[in-house]
Every structure is written in structure tokens, then in C-alpha cells.
Amino acid sequence: MQEYERKQLLERVEREGATVGADIPETITVQGEEIDLRTFVFEIKRRETVPPGERDRVEQAKRNLRRERVERLEAIEEGNISREEGEELAQGIIGIDRALNALENLGPTDLEREQQAKRAADTKRWMSFLKQALGQEEGGSARRGR
């Protein structure tokens, strides 16, 4: 591959809108293991929240995809590859980016819901404390000394 071709491929994968209109690959080989990437992403995205048991699996998948992306990018940058191999690697990187975007933009997790519940409980405790400090009863009437 010529140097200018290498630069064109690198520019294409790093372009901000590179994933627009791109498909998530059906399968991808990551760390020597073939993964049904499209099925995995759509299965996770279909749910409103990521269950606690799946959260670790999703985070591990994202780490593996990022690692694979870096390896493929380095192969384009430094590898002794043909133009066709470079094109395949670039398409793979764009597909990985598309999958990562989908996994990064998942809906609220259980942790976020727990955090909201804790804030609501803290607010309720604070209001209760203020009412006691100001001498108000739960019913809203003020206690007055005789």
C-alpha cells in the first residue's frame, strides 16, 4: 500500500461522521474469538436498562472492541498490508465504532435509578429534619410552647 493510501484510510476512520450510515458488522473476530456483534448490540439495546448481570458483560465487550480497534488502526498505520486488507480493516474499524456508539448510548442503568432514589430519600430526610427544627409537626401545624 502506498503512503497516501494509508493516510486516506486513516483519515476516513477518524472522520467525525464516519459511522453515519454504517452498519454494525454481523460478526467480528476480537482477540481471536468470533462474536455475533450485531445480535449482541441489538439484544442489549432492546432493553430499557442494562441489568446488573449484563452490565459487566457490556463493559467487557466495550473494552475488547476498543482494544481491537486500536490493533486494527495500528495495522493500517504501520503494517505491511495491501490496499484491500487496509480497506477491510478500515471497514471493520468503522463497524466497531458504530457498535461502540450504540453501546455507549444505552438508556439509564440501575445505578442511575438507585442514585435518583437515594437523592429523593435524602431530600425527604432533609425536609423532615427542617420541619422538626422549625417546630412543625408532620400534619403541618406548628407546635407552640405554653
C-alpha atoms as a PDB file:
ATOM      1  CA  MET A   1       0.000   0.000   0.000  1.00  0.00           C
ATOM      2  CA  GLN A   2       1.230   3.465  -0.857  1.00  0.00           C
ATOM      3  CA  GLU A   3       1.692   6.032   1.902  1.00  0.00           C
ATOM      4  CA  TYR A   4      -1.010   8.332   0.512  1.00  0.00           C
ATOM      5  CA  GLU A   5      -3.481   5.400   0.517  1.00  0.00           C
ATOM      6  CA  ARG A   6      -2.611   4.684   4.133  1.00  0.00           C
ATOM      7  CA  LYS A   7      -3.265   8.331   5.041  1.00  0.00           C
ATOM      8  CA  GLN A   8      -6.604   8.282   3.200  1.00  0.00           C
ATOM      9  CA  LEU A   9      -7.743   5.205   5.136  1.00  0.00           C
ATOM     10  CA  LEU A  10      -6.644   6.694   8.459  1.00  0.00           C
ATOM     11  CA  GLU A  11      -8.419   9.939   7.655  1.00  0.00           C
ATOM     12  CA  ARG A  12     -11.584   8.039   6.746  1.00  0.00           C
ATOM     13  CA  VAL A  13     -11.751   6.063  10.002  1.00  0.00           C
ATOM     14  CA  GLU A  14     -11.021   9.133  12.131  1.00  0.00           C
ATOM     15  CA  ARG A  15     -13.599  11.341  10.378  1.00  0.00           C
ATOM     16  CA  GLU A  16     -16.300  12.523  12.778  1.00  0.00           C
ATOM     17  CA  GLY A  17     -19.206  11.295  10.667  1.00  0.00           C
ATOM     18  CA  ALA A  18     -17.573   8.038   9.621  1.00  0.00           C
ATOM     19  CA  THR A  19     -20.196   5.901  11.326  1.00  0.00           C
ATOM     20  CA  VAL A  20     -23.176   7.714   9.799  1.00  0.00           C
ATOM     21  CA  GLY A  21     -24.997   5.164   7.708  1.00  0.00           C
ATOM     22  CA  ALA A  22     -22.510   2.445   8.637  1.00  0.00           C
ATOM     23  CA  ASP A  23     -23.761  -0.975   9.663  1.00  0.00           C
ATOM     24  CA  ILE A  24     -22.684  -2.892  12.712  1.00  0.00           C
ATOM     25  CA  PRO A  25     -20.875  -5.989  11.413  1.00  0.00           C
ATOM     26  CA  GLU A  26     -22.831  -9.236  11.712  1.00  0.00           C
ATOM     27  CA  THR A  27     -19.801 -10.971  13.207  1.00  0.00           C
ATOM     28  CA  ILE A  28     -16.348  -9.783  14.169  1.00  0.00           C
ATOM     29  CA  THR A  29     -13.236 -11.535  15.388  1.00  0.00           C
ATOM     30  CA  VAL A  30     -11.956  -9.932  18.578  1.00  0.00           C
ATOM     31  CA  GLN A  31      -8.907 -11.306  20.360  1.00  0.00           C
ATOM     32  CA  GLY A  32      -9.151 -14.462  18.244  1.00  0.00           C
ATOM     33  CA  GLU A  33     -12.793 -15.088  19.194  1.00  0.00           C
ATOM     34  CA  GLU A  34     -15.661 -14.662  16.754  1.00  0.00           C
ATOM     35  CA  ILE A  35     -18.538 -12.608  18.195  1.00  0.00           C
ATOM     36  CA  ASP A  36     -22.057 -12.129  16.832  1.00  0.00           C
ATOM     37  CA  LEU A  37     -21.678  -8.379  17.278  1.00  0.00           C
ATOM     38  CA  ARG A  38     -24.886  -7.157  15.634  1.00  0.00           C
ATOM     39  CA  THR A  39     -27.024  -9.612  17.598  1.00  0.00           C
ATOM     40  CA  PHE A  40     -25.268  -8.697  20.851  1.00  0.00           C
ATOM     41  CA  VAL A  41     -25.704  -4.938  20.339  1.00  0.00           C
ATOM     42  CA  PHE A  42     -29.367  -5.198  19.330  1.00  0.00           C
ATOM     43  CA  GLU A  43     -30.096  -7.573  22.214  1.00  0.00           C
ATOM     44  CA  ILE A  44     -28.630  -5.092  24.709  1.00  0.00           C
ATOM     45  CA  LYS A  45     -30.189  -2.000  23.078  1.00  0.00           C
ATOM     46  CA  ARG A  46     -33.649  -3.597  23.041  1.00  0.00           C
ATOM     47  CA  ARG A  47     -33.837  -3.454  26.837  1.00  0.00           C
ATOM     48  CA  GLU A  48     -34.704  -0.226  28.611  1.00  0.00           C
ATOM     49  CA  THR A  49     -31.966  -0.751  31.184  1.00  0.00           C
ATOM     50  CA  VAL A  50     -28.914  -2.933  31.423  1.00  0.00           C
ATOM     51  CA  PRO A  51     -29.490  -5.499  34.177  1.00  0.00           C
ATOM     52  CA  PRO A  52     -26.719  -5.801  36.781  1.00  0.00           C
ATOM     53  CA  GLY A  53     -25.654  -9.217  35.463  1.00  0.00           C
ATOM     54  CA  GLU A  54     -25.282  -7.884  31.921  1.00  0.00           C
ATOM     55  CA  ARG A  55     -23.500  -4.656  32.860  1.00  0.00           C
ATOM     56  CA  ASP A  56     -20.149  -6.409  33.350  1.00  0.00           C
ATOM     57  CA  ARG A  57     -20.594  -8.256  30.060  1.00  0.00           C
ATOM     58  CA  VAL A  58     -21.304  -4.989  28.215  1.00  0.00           C
ATOM     59  CA  GLU A  59     -18.319  -3.222  29.797  1.00  0.00           C
ATOM     60  CA  GLN A  60     -16.038  -6.145  28.898  1.00  0.00           C
ATOM     61  CA  ALA A  61     -17.351  -6.120  25.331  1.00  0.00           C
ATOM     62  CA  LYS A  62     -16.649  -2.385  25.046  1.00  0.00           C
ATOM     63  CA  ARG A  63     -13.096  -2.850  26.359  1.00  0.00           C
ATOM     64  CA  ASN A  64     -12.485  -5.691  23.885  1.00  0.00           C
ATOM     65  CA  LEU A  65     -13.894  -3.662  20.990  1.00  0.00           C
ATOM     66  CA  ARG A  66     -11.706  -0.664  21.872  1.00  0.00           C
ATOM     67  CA  ARG A  67      -8.644  -2.918  22.063  1.00  0.00           C
ATOM     68  CA  GLU A  68      -9.496  -4.483  18.694  1.00  0.00           C
ATOM     69  CA  ARG A  69      -9.995  -1.028  17.182  1.00  0.00           C
ATOM     70  CA  VAL A  70      -6.536   0.067  18.335  1.00  0.00           C
ATOM     71  CA  GLU A  71      -4.941  -3.091  16.925  1.00  0.00           C
ATOM     72  CA  ARG A  72      -6.633  -2.633  13.556  1.00  0.00           C
ATOM     73  CA  LEU A  73      -5.697   1.050  13.461  1.00  0.00           C
ATOM     74  CA  GLU A  74      -2.068   0.180  14.186  1.00  0.00           C
ATOM     75  CA  ALA A  75      -2.148  -2.424  11.401  1.00  0.00           C
ATOM     76  CA  ILE A  76      -3.212   0.309   8.965  1.00  0.00           C
ATOM     77  CA  GLU A  77      -0.658   2.796  10.323  1.00  0.00           C
ATOM     78  CA  GLU A  78       2.344   0.511  10.494  1.00  0.00           C
ATOM     79  CA  GLY A  79       1.532  -2.814   8.884  1.00  0.00           C
ATOM     80  CA  ASN A  80       2.833  -4.186   5.630  1.00  0.00           C
ATOM     81  CA  ILE A  81      -0.616  -4.701   4.148  1.00  0.00           C
ATOM     82  CA  SER A  82      -2.258  -4.447   0.750  1.00  0.00           C
ATOM     83  CA  ARG A  83      -4.805  -1.804  -0.201  1.00  0.00           C
ATOM     84  CA  GLU A  84      -7.579  -4.447   0.013  1.00  0.00           C
ATOM     85  CA  GLU A  85      -6.507  -5.510   3.508  1.00  0.00           C
ATOM     86  CA  GLY A  86      -6.411  -1.850   4.533  1.00  0.00           C
ATOM     87  CA  GLU A  87      -9.953  -1.342   3.187  1.00  0.00           C
ATOM     88  CA  GLU A  88     -11.184  -4.359   5.179  1.00  0.00           C
ATOM     89  CA  LEU A  89      -9.508  -3.088   8.334  1.00  0.00           C
ATOM     90  CA  ALA A  90     -10.983   0.401   7.818  1.00  0.00           C
ATOM     91  CA  GLN A  91     -14.484  -1.016   7.320  1.00  0.00           C
ATOM     92  CA  GLY A  92     -14.019  -3.122  10.447  1.00  0.00           C
ATOM     93  CA  ILE A  93     -12.933  -0.077  12.468  1.00  0.00           C
ATOM     94  CA  ILE A  94     -15.959   1.899  11.304  1.00  0.00           C
ATOM     95  CA  GLY A  95     -18.214  -1.042  12.246  1.00  0.00           C
ATOM     96  CA  ILE A  96     -16.563  -1.269  15.665  1.00  0.00           C
ATOM     97  CA  ASP A  97     -17.069   2.475  16.156  1.00  0.00           C
ATOM     98  CA  ARG A  98     -20.743   2.092  15.226  1.00  0.00           C
ATOM     99  CA  ALA A  99     -21.161  -0.724  17.768  1.00  0.00           C
ATOM    100  CA  LEU A 100     -19.317   1.261  20.454  1.00  0.00           C
ATOM    101  CA  ASN A 101     -21.559   4.284  19.814  1.00  0.00           C
ATOM    102  CA  ALA A 102     -24.625   2.100  20.260  1.00  0.00           C
ATOM    103  CA  LEU A 103     -23.288   0.543  23.468  1.00  0.00           C
ATOM    104  CA  GLU A 104     -22.169   3.892  24.899  1.00  0.00           C
ATOM    105  CA  ASN A 105     -25.606   5.421  24.371  1.00  0.00           C
ATOM    106  CA  LEU A 106     -27.586   2.866  26.331  1.00  0.00           C
ATOM    107  CA  GLY A 107     -30.517   4.051  28.431  1.00  0.00           C
ATOM    108  CA  PRO A 108     -30.311   4.652  32.160  1.00  0.00           C
ATOM    109  CA  THR A 109     -28.799   1.869  34.200  1.00  0.00           C
ATOM    110  CA  ASP A 110     -29.982   0.518  37.511  1.00  0.00           C
ATOM    111  CA  LEU A 111     -27.201   2.515  39.190  1.00  0.00           C
ATOM    112  CA  GLU A 112     -28.716   5.753  37.920  1.00  0.00           C
ATOM    113  CA  ARG A 113     -32.135   4.743  39.206  1.00  0.00           C
ATOM    114  CA  GLU A 114     -30.627   3.876  42.590  1.00  0.00           C
ATOM    115  CA  GLN A 115     -28.885   7.244  42.701  1.00  0.00           C
ATOM    116  CA  GLN A 116     -32.160   9.041  41.969  1.00  0.00           C
ATOM    117  CA  ALA A 117     -33.903   7.072  44.734  1.00  0.00           C
ATOM    118  CA  LYS A 118     -31.109   7.982  47.176  1.00  0.00           C
ATOM    119  CA  ARG A 119     -31.432  11.662  46.286  1.00  0.00           C
ATOM    120  CA  ALA A 120     -35.205  11.507  46.822  1.00  0.00           C
ATOM    121  CA  ALA A 121     -34.712   9.796  50.210  1.00  0.00           C
ATOM    122  CA  ASP A 122     -32.071  12.383  51.197  1.00  0.00           C
ATOM    123  CA  THR A 123     -34.438  15.196  50.246  1.00  0.00           C
ATOM    124  CA  LYS A 124     -37.239  13.621  52.277  1.00  0.00           C
ATOM    125  CA  ARG A 125     -34.964  13.227  55.325  1.00  0.00           C
ATOM    126  CA  TRP A 126     -33.766  16.813  54.956  1.00  0.00           C
ATOM    127  CA  MET A 127     -37.335  18.137  54.778  1.00  0.00           C
ATOM    128  CA  SER A 128     -38.275  16.069  57.828  1.00  0.00           C
ATOM    129  CA  PHE A 129     -35.282  17.461  59.714  1.00  0.00           C
ATOM    130  CA  LEU A 130     -36.194  21.032  58.750  1.00  0.00           C
ATOM    131  CA  LYS A 131     -39.785  20.534  59.892  1.00  0.00           C
ATOM    132  CA  GLN A 132     -38.573  19.232  63.258  1.00  0.00           C
ATOM    133  CA  ALA A 133     -36.041  22.040  63.597  1.00  0.00           C
ATOM    134  CA  LEU A 134     -38.681  24.640  62.822  1.00  0.00           C
ATOM    135  CA  GLY A 135     -41.069  23.038  65.286  1.00  0.00           C
ATOM    136  CA  GLN A 136     -43.601  21.826  62.771  1.00  0.00           C
ATOM    137  CA  GLU A 137     -45.444  18.546  63.174  1.00  0.00           C
ATOM    138  CA  GLU A 138     -45.991  16.108  60.351  1.00  0.00           C
ATOM    139  CA  GLY A 139     -49.586  17.339  59.916  1.00  0.00           C
ATOM    140  CA  GLY A 140     -48.301  20.815  59.085  1.00  0.00           C
ATOM    141  CA  SER A 141     -49.425  22.531  62.292  1.00  0.00           C
ATOM    142  CA  ALA A 142     -46.798  24.253  64.365  1.00  0.00           C
ATOM    143  CA  ARG A 143     -46.109  23.188  67.968  1.00  0.00           C
ATOM    144  CA  ARG A 144     -46.114  26.031  70.385  1.00  0.00           C
ATOM    145  CA  GLY A 145     -44.948  26.086  73.910  1.00  0.00           C
ATOM    146  CA  ARG A 146     -47.464  27.123  76.682  1.00  0.00           C
END
